[in-house]
């Protein structure tokens, strides 16, 4: 299978879905946590502020985790592409070449 046949799908995933996943979801999580904290501060209730702070911290951790998932998955697939099995090397290298093709 050549890169030309799968390039539209690779571009959609690489240039569309992954950036949304890597950047959009963390931004949404941080904005929602900030809004919740702002509501709690405006309400001026200590208990609600503490809960909102804890939720913001959890959302920040989730945001960082989601951000790095893409990097970790790309790294793992890159490591698998450098396999020593001669039968798999050609397939893995062709996949990696297609993925990295501009």
N, C-alpha and C. Protein backbone atom coordinates (compact mmCIF):
# COMPACT_ATOMS: atom_id res chain seq x y z
N UNK A 1 0.86 -1.17 0.00
CA UNK A 1 0.00 0.00 0.00
C UNK A 1 0.91 1.24 0.00
N UNK A 2 0.64 2.15 -0.88
CA UNK A 2 1.48 3.34 -0.97
C UNK A 2 0.92 4.44 -0.08
N UNK A 3 1.77 5.41 0.18
CA UNK A 3 1.36 6.54 1.02
C UNK A 3 0.25 7.35 0.37
N UNK A 4 0.24 7.40 -0.95
CA UNK A 4 -0.76 8.20 -1.66
C UNK A 4 -2.18 7.71 -1.38
N UNK A 5 -2.34 6.41 -1.16
CA UNK A 5 -3.66 5.85 -0.93
C UNK A 5 -4.20 6.21 0.44
N UNK A 6 -3.35 6.29 1.44
CA UNK A 6 -3.80 6.55 2.80
C UNK A 6 -3.52 7.97 3.28
N UNK A 7 -2.87 8.79 2.43
CA UNK A 7 -2.50 10.13 2.85
C UNK A 7 -3.68 11.00 3.29
N UNK A 8 -4.85 10.94 2.63
CA UNK A 8 -5.97 11.75 3.13
C UNK A 8 -6.37 11.39 4.56
N UNK A 9 -6.36 10.12 4.88
CA UNK A 9 -6.72 9.69 6.23
C UNK A 9 -5.64 10.10 7.22
N UNK A 10 -4.38 9.93 6.84
CA UNK A 10 -3.28 10.32 7.72
C UNK A 10 -3.32 11.82 8.00
N UNK A 11 -3.60 12.61 6.98
CA UNK A 11 -3.67 14.07 7.17
C UNK A 11 -4.81 14.45 8.10
N UNK A 12 -5.95 13.80 7.95
CA UNK A 12 -7.08 14.11 8.84
C UNK A 12 -6.72 13.80 10.28
N UNK A 13 -6.09 12.65 10.50
CA UNK A 13 -5.73 12.26 11.86
C UNK A 13 -4.60 13.14 12.39
N UNK A 14 -3.53 13.28 11.61
CA UNK A 14 -2.33 13.99 12.06
C UNK A 14 -2.55 15.50 12.18
N UNK A 15 -3.25 16.09 11.22
CA UNK A 15 -3.40 17.54 11.20
C UNK A 15 -4.73 18.03 11.74
N UNK A 16 -5.69 17.13 11.95
CA UNK A 16 -7.00 17.54 12.42
C UNK A 16 -7.35 17.00 13.79
N UNK A 17 -7.40 15.70 13.91
CA UNK A 17 -7.87 15.08 15.15
C UNK A 17 -6.84 15.20 16.28
N UNK A 18 -5.59 14.90 16.00
CA UNK A 18 -4.57 14.94 17.06
C UNK A 18 -4.37 16.34 17.65
N UNK A 19 -4.29 17.38 16.84
CA UNK A 19 -4.16 18.72 17.45
C UNK A 19 -5.36 19.11 18.30
N UNK A 20 -6.55 18.74 17.85
CA UNK A 20 -7.74 19.03 18.66
C UNK A 20 -7.64 18.28 19.98
N UNK A 21 -7.25 17.02 19.91
CA UNK A 21 -7.12 16.21 21.11
C UNK A 21 -6.01 16.74 22.01
N UNK A 22 -4.87 17.09 21.41
CA UNK A 22 -3.71 17.51 22.20
C UNK A 22 -3.87 18.91 22.76
N UNK A 23 -4.50 19.82 22.05
CA UNK A 23 -4.60 21.21 22.50
C UNK A 23 -6.00 21.59 22.96
N UNK A 24 -7.02 21.14 22.26
CA UNK A 24 -8.38 21.57 22.56
C UNK A 24 -8.92 21.05 23.88
N UNK A 25 -8.76 19.77 24.12
CA UNK A 25 -9.29 19.19 25.35
C UNK A 25 -8.63 19.78 26.59
N UNK A 26 -7.30 19.92 26.65
CA UNK A 26 -6.69 20.56 27.83
C UNK A 26 -7.17 21.99 28.04
N UNK A 27 -7.30 22.76 26.97
CA UNK A 27 -7.77 24.13 27.11
C UNK A 27 -9.19 24.17 27.66
N UNK A 28 -10.04 23.30 27.15
CA UNK A 28 -11.42 23.23 27.64
C UNK A 28 -11.45 22.86 29.12
N UNK A 29 -10.63 21.87 29.52
CA UNK A 29 -10.59 21.46 30.93
C UNK A 29 -10.13 22.61 31.83
N UNK A 30 -9.12 23.34 31.41
CA UNK A 30 -8.62 24.46 32.22
C UNK A 30 -9.65 25.58 32.29
N UNK A 31 -10.29 25.89 31.18
CA UNK A 31 -11.31 26.95 31.18
C UNK A 31 -12.49 26.56 32.08
N UNK A 32 -12.95 25.32 31.99
CA UNK A 32 -14.06 24.89 32.84
C UNK A 32 -13.69 24.93 34.32
N UNK A 33 -12.47 24.52 34.65
CA UNK A 33 -12.02 24.58 36.04
C UNK A 33 -11.94 26.01 36.54
N UNK A 34 -11.48 26.91 35.68
CA UNK A 34 -11.39 28.31 36.06
C UNK A 34 -12.78 28.92 36.26
N UNK A 35 -13.71 28.56 35.40
CA UNK A 35 -15.08 29.05 35.55
C UNK A 35 -15.69 28.55 36.86
N UNK A 36 -15.50 27.28 37.17
CA UNK A 36 -16.02 26.73 38.43
C UNK A 36 -15.41 27.44 39.64
N UNK A 37 -14.11 27.69 39.59
CA UNK A 37 -13.45 28.39 40.69
C UNK A 37 -13.96 29.82 40.80
N UNK A 38 -14.15 30.47 39.67
CA UNK A 38 -14.69 31.83 39.68
C UNK A 38 -16.08 31.90 40.29
N UNK A 39 -16.92 30.93 39.94
CA UNK A 39 -18.27 30.88 40.53
C UNK A 39 -18.20 30.69 42.04
N UNK A 40 -17.30 29.82 42.48
CA UNK A 40 -17.17 29.57 43.92
C UNK A 40 -16.66 30.81 44.64
N UNK A 41 -15.73 31.53 44.05
CA UNK A 41 -15.20 32.74 44.68
C UNK A 41 -16.27 33.81 44.75
N UNK A 42 -17.07 33.93 43.71
CA UNK A 42 -18.15 34.92 43.72
C UNK A 42 -19.19 34.56 44.77
N UNK A 43 -19.44 33.28 44.97
CA UNK A 43 -20.40 32.84 45.98
C UNK A 43 -19.87 33.07 47.39
N UNK A 44 -18.56 33.20 47.55
CA UNK A 44 -17.89 33.48 48.83
C UNK A 44 -18.18 32.43 49.90
N UNK A 45 -18.26 31.19 49.51
CA UNK A 45 -18.43 30.10 50.47
C UNK A 45 -17.14 29.29 50.49
N UNK A 46 -16.54 29.19 51.66
CA UNK A 46 -15.26 28.51 51.82
C UNK A 46 -15.30 27.07 51.33
N UNK A 47 -16.35 26.37 51.67
CA UNK A 47 -16.46 24.96 51.28
C UNK A 47 -16.50 24.81 49.76
N UNK A 48 -17.26 25.67 49.10
CA UNK A 48 -17.34 25.61 47.65
C UNK A 48 -16.01 26.00 47.00
N UNK A 49 -15.30 26.95 47.60
CA UNK A 49 -14.01 27.36 47.06
C UNK A 49 -13.01 26.21 47.16
N UNK A 50 -12.99 25.51 48.28
CA UNK A 50 -12.07 24.38 48.44
C UNK A 50 -12.39 23.27 47.44
N UNK A 51 -13.68 22.98 47.26
CA UNK A 51 -14.07 21.95 46.29
C UNK A 51 -13.68 22.37 44.88
N UNK A 52 -13.90 23.63 44.56
CA UNK A 52 -13.55 24.13 43.23
C UNK A 52 -12.04 24.10 43.01
N UNK A 53 -11.26 24.41 44.05
CA UNK A 53 -9.80 24.34 43.93
C UNK A 53 -9.34 22.91 43.68
N UNK A 54 -9.92 21.97 44.42
CA UNK A 54 -9.57 20.57 44.22
C UNK A 54 -9.94 20.11 42.81
N UNK A 55 -11.11 20.52 42.33
CA UNK A 55 -11.54 20.14 40.99
C UNK A 55 -10.63 20.78 39.94
N UNK A 56 -10.20 22.03 40.16
CA UNK A 56 -9.30 22.69 39.22
C UNK A 56 -7.96 21.96 39.16
N UNK A 57 -7.45 21.54 40.30
CA UNK A 57 -6.19 20.80 40.33
C UNK A 57 -6.33 19.48 39.58
N UNK A 58 -7.43 18.77 39.80
CA UNK A 58 -7.66 17.51 39.08
C UNK A 58 -7.74 17.76 37.58
N UNK A 59 -8.46 18.81 37.19
CA UNK A 59 -8.59 19.11 35.76
C UNK A 59 -7.25 19.52 35.15
N UNK A 60 -6.41 20.22 35.91
CA UNK A 60 -5.08 20.55 35.41
C UNK A 60 -4.25 19.30 35.18
N UNK A 61 -4.34 18.36 36.12
CA UNK A 61 -3.61 17.09 35.97
C UNK A 61 -4.13 16.33 34.75
N UNK A 62 -5.45 16.28 34.59
CA UNK A 62 -6.03 15.62 33.42
C UNK A 62 -5.59 16.31 32.13
N UNK A 63 -5.55 17.64 32.14
CA UNK A 63 -5.15 18.39 30.95
C UNK A 63 -3.71 18.07 30.56
N UNK A 64 -2.82 18.03 31.55
CA UNK A 64 -1.42 17.69 31.27
C UNK A 64 -1.31 16.26 30.75
N UNK A 65 -2.06 15.36 31.35
CA UNK A 65 -2.03 13.96 30.91
C UNK A 65 -2.51 13.82 29.47
N UNK A 66 -3.62 14.47 29.14
CA UNK A 66 -4.15 14.40 27.78
C UNK A 66 -3.16 15.01 26.80
N UNK A 67 -2.53 16.12 27.19
CA UNK A 67 -1.56 16.77 26.31
C UNK A 67 -0.40 15.83 25.97
N UNK A 68 0.09 15.10 26.96
CA UNK A 68 1.25 14.26 26.73
C UNK A 68 0.91 12.88 26.16
N UNK A 69 -0.35 12.50 26.14
CA UNK A 69 -0.73 11.20 25.57
C UNK A 69 -0.31 11.12 24.11
N UNK A 70 -0.55 12.18 23.36
CA UNK A 70 -0.20 12.18 21.94
C UNK A 70 1.30 12.00 21.76
N UNK A 71 2.09 12.69 22.55
CA UNK A 71 3.54 12.59 22.45
C UNK A 71 4.01 11.18 22.81
N UNK A 72 3.44 10.63 23.85
CA UNK A 72 3.84 9.28 24.29
C UNK A 72 3.47 8.24 23.24
N UNK A 73 2.27 8.35 22.68
CA UNK A 73 1.84 7.38 21.66
C UNK A 73 2.72 7.49 20.43
N UNK A 74 3.04 8.70 20.01
CA UNK A 74 3.93 8.88 18.86
C UNK A 74 5.31 8.29 19.13
N UNK A 75 5.81 8.49 20.32
CA UNK A 75 7.12 7.94 20.70
C UNK A 75 7.09 6.41 20.69
N UNK A 76 6.04 5.82 21.24
CA UNK A 76 5.93 4.36 21.29
C UNK A 76 5.84 3.78 19.89
N UNK A 77 5.02 4.40 19.01
CA UNK A 77 4.93 3.91 17.64
C UNK A 77 6.25 4.07 16.90
N UNK A 78 6.98 5.14 17.20
CA UNK A 78 8.30 5.32 16.60
C UNK A 78 9.27 4.25 17.05
N UNK A 79 9.18 3.84 18.31
CA UNK A 79 10.05 2.77 18.81
C UNK A 79 9.69 1.44 18.17
N UNK A 80 8.40 1.18 17.99
CA UNK A 80 7.99 -0.07 17.35
C UNK A 80 8.39 -0.10 15.88
N UNK A 81 8.49 1.07 15.26
CA UNK A 81 8.88 1.12 13.85
C UNK A 81 10.34 0.73 13.67
N UNK A 82 11.12 0.82 14.72
CA UNK A 82 12.54 0.47 14.63
C UNK A 82 12.79 -0.96 15.11
N UNK A 83 11.89 -1.84 14.76
CA UNK A 83 12.00 -3.24 15.17
C UNK A 83 13.09 -3.95 14.39
N UNK A 84 13.60 -5.03 14.93
CA UNK A 84 14.68 -5.78 14.30
C UNK A 84 14.18 -6.91 13.41
N UNK A 85 12.91 -7.24 13.47
CA UNK A 85 12.36 -8.31 12.66
C UNK A 85 12.36 -7.87 11.20
N UNK A 86 13.00 -8.61 10.34
CA UNK A 86 13.15 -8.20 8.94
C UNK A 86 11.80 -8.14 8.22
N UNK A 87 10.86 -9.01 8.58
CA UNK A 87 9.55 -8.99 7.94
C UNK A 87 8.75 -7.76 8.35
N UNK A 88 8.90 -7.34 9.59
CA UNK A 88 8.13 -6.20 10.09
C UNK A 88 8.82 -4.87 9.82
N UNK A 89 10.10 -4.88 9.59
CA UNK A 89 10.83 -3.63 9.41
C UNK A 89 10.32 -2.85 8.21
N UNK A 90 10.09 -3.52 7.11
CA UNK A 90 9.61 -2.82 5.92
C UNK A 90 8.23 -2.23 6.14
N UNK A 91 7.35 -2.98 6.78
CA UNK A 91 6.00 -2.48 7.05
C UNK A 91 6.05 -1.31 8.01
N UNK A 92 6.83 -1.45 9.08
CA UNK A 92 6.92 -0.40 10.08
C UNK A 92 7.56 0.86 9.51
N UNK A 93 8.63 0.69 8.75
CA UNK A 93 9.28 1.85 8.17
C UNK A 93 8.39 2.54 7.15
N UNK A 94 7.63 1.77 6.37
CA UNK A 94 6.73 2.40 5.40
C UNK A 94 5.62 3.16 6.14
N UNK A 95 5.14 2.61 7.24
CA UNK A 95 4.13 3.32 8.03
C UNK A 95 4.70 4.61 8.58
N UNK A 96 5.91 4.55 9.13
CA UNK A 96 6.53 5.74 9.69
C UNK A 96 6.85 6.78 8.62
N UNK A 97 7.28 6.31 7.47
CA UNK A 97 7.54 7.22 6.35
C UNK A 97 6.25 7.92 5.92
N UNK A 98 5.16 7.18 5.83
CA UNK A 98 3.87 7.78 5.46
C UNK A 98 3.43 8.79 6.53
N UNK A 99 3.60 8.47 7.78
CA UNK A 99 3.18 9.35 8.86
C UNK A 99 3.98 10.65 8.86
N UNK A 100 5.26 10.55 8.61
CA UNK A 100 6.13 11.72 8.63
C UNK A 100 6.16 12.48 7.31
N UNK A 101 5.53 11.93 6.27
CA UNK A 101 5.50 12.59 4.97
C UNK A 101 4.69 13.89 5.07
N UNK A 102 5.20 14.99 4.51
CA UNK A 102 4.49 16.28 4.63
C UNK A 102 3.20 16.35 3.88
